[in-house]
């Protein structure tokens, strides 16, 4: 079976997000003061071949833990859909 994974990697909430801070400031400059606390991360999509959704979940989780995120600075979450 093939699955599609949609992965979001975001900075830890306790850490400063310089990109998000800059965008938050820019929002006020263009008249969007109502938008605050912008956080900027990464969105990753991939396909995985697996025998089951459980196996696909394990594979994607391993990819996230071992390669796609820095556990000191980031956290991740993902969603699987069957193709």
Protein backbone atom coordinates (compact mmCIF):
# COMPACT_ATOMS: atom_id res chain seq x y z
CA UNK A 1 0.00 0.00 0.00
CA UNK A 2 1.11 3.55 -0.65
CA UNK A 3 0.59 6.36 1.80
CA UNK A 4 1.10 10.10 1.59
CA UNK A 5 2.59 11.83 4.62
CA UNK A 6 2.12 15.54 5.34
CA UNK A 7 4.70 16.58 7.93
CA UNK A 8 4.85 19.90 9.77
CA UNK A 9 8.11 20.82 11.52
CA UNK A 10 7.91 23.87 13.77
CA UNK A 11 10.25 25.65 16.18
CA UNK A 12 9.80 24.75 19.84
CA UNK A 13 7.41 27.23 21.46
CA UNK A 14 10.02 28.15 24.09
CA UNK A 15 12.53 29.26 21.43
CA UNK A 16 12.70 32.57 19.64
CA UNK A 17 11.61 32.37 16.00
CA UNK A 18 13.47 35.23 14.22
CA UNK A 19 11.65 34.69 10.91
CA UNK A 20 8.28 34.65 12.64
CA UNK A 21 9.20 37.77 14.62
CA UNK A 22 10.16 39.62 11.41
CA UNK A 23 6.92 38.60 9.69
CA UNK A 24 4.89 39.63 12.74
CA UNK A 25 6.47 43.08 12.55
CA UNK A 26 5.82 43.28 8.81
CA UNK A 27 2.14 42.49 9.36
CA UNK A 28 1.75 45.71 11.34
CA UNK A 29 3.56 47.63 8.58
CA UNK A 30 0.94 46.57 6.01
CA UNK A 31 -2.04 47.29 8.23
CA UNK A 32 -2.58 43.80 9.66
CA UNK A 33 -1.97 44.55 13.36
CA UNK A 34 -4.57 41.91 14.25
CA UNK A 35 -2.13 39.15 13.16
CA UNK A 36 0.43 38.36 15.87
CA UNK A 37 2.72 35.60 17.11
CA UNK A 38 3.67 34.30 13.65
CA UNK A 39 5.76 31.10 13.75
CA UNK A 40 7.47 29.82 10.62
CA UNK A 41 8.41 26.20 10.04
CA UNK A 42 8.66 23.59 7.30
CA UNK A 43 6.02 21.55 5.52
CA UNK A 44 7.25 18.28 4.02
CA UNK A 45 5.32 15.80 1.89
CA UNK A 46 6.46 12.31 1.01
CA UNK A 47 5.13 8.96 -0.16
CA UNK A 48 5.83 5.72 1.65
CA UNK A 49 5.24 2.12 0.61
CA UNK A 50 4.18 -0.03 3.58
CA UNK A 51 2.13 -3.14 4.35
CA UNK A 52 -0.12 -1.28 6.78
CA UNK A 53 -0.88 2.17 8.16
CA UNK A 54 0.87 1.20 11.38
CA UNK A 55 4.05 0.33 9.49
CA UNK A 56 3.83 3.56 7.47
CA UNK A 57 3.44 5.52 10.71
CA UNK A 58 6.58 3.90 12.15
CA UNK A 59 8.58 4.64 8.98
CA UNK A 60 7.53 8.29 8.79
CA UNK A 61 8.13 8.77 12.52
CA UNK A 62 11.65 7.34 12.14
CA UNK A 63 12.34 9.65 9.19
CA UNK A 64 11.20 12.63 11.25
CA UNK A 65 13.22 11.64 14.31
CA UNK A 66 16.40 10.68 12.47
CA UNK A 67 16.53 13.21 9.64
CA UNK A 68 13.76 15.76 9.18
CA UNK A 69 13.77 17.63 12.49
CA UNK A 70 16.18 18.83 15.13
CA UNK A 71 14.77 17.64 18.48
CA UNK A 72 16.58 20.39 20.38
CA UNK A 73 14.97 23.21 18.41
CA UNK A 74 11.90 21.75 16.67
CA UNK A 75 8.87 19.54 17.10
CA UNK A 76 6.90 17.74 14.41
CA UNK A 77 3.54 16.19 13.66
CA UNK A 78 2.28 14.36 10.61
CA UNK A 79 -0.83 13.01 8.95
CA UNK A 80 -1.04 9.92 6.75
CA UNK A 81 -3.51 9.31 3.94
CA UNK A 82 -3.73 6.20 1.85
CA UNK A 83 -3.16 6.74 -1.87
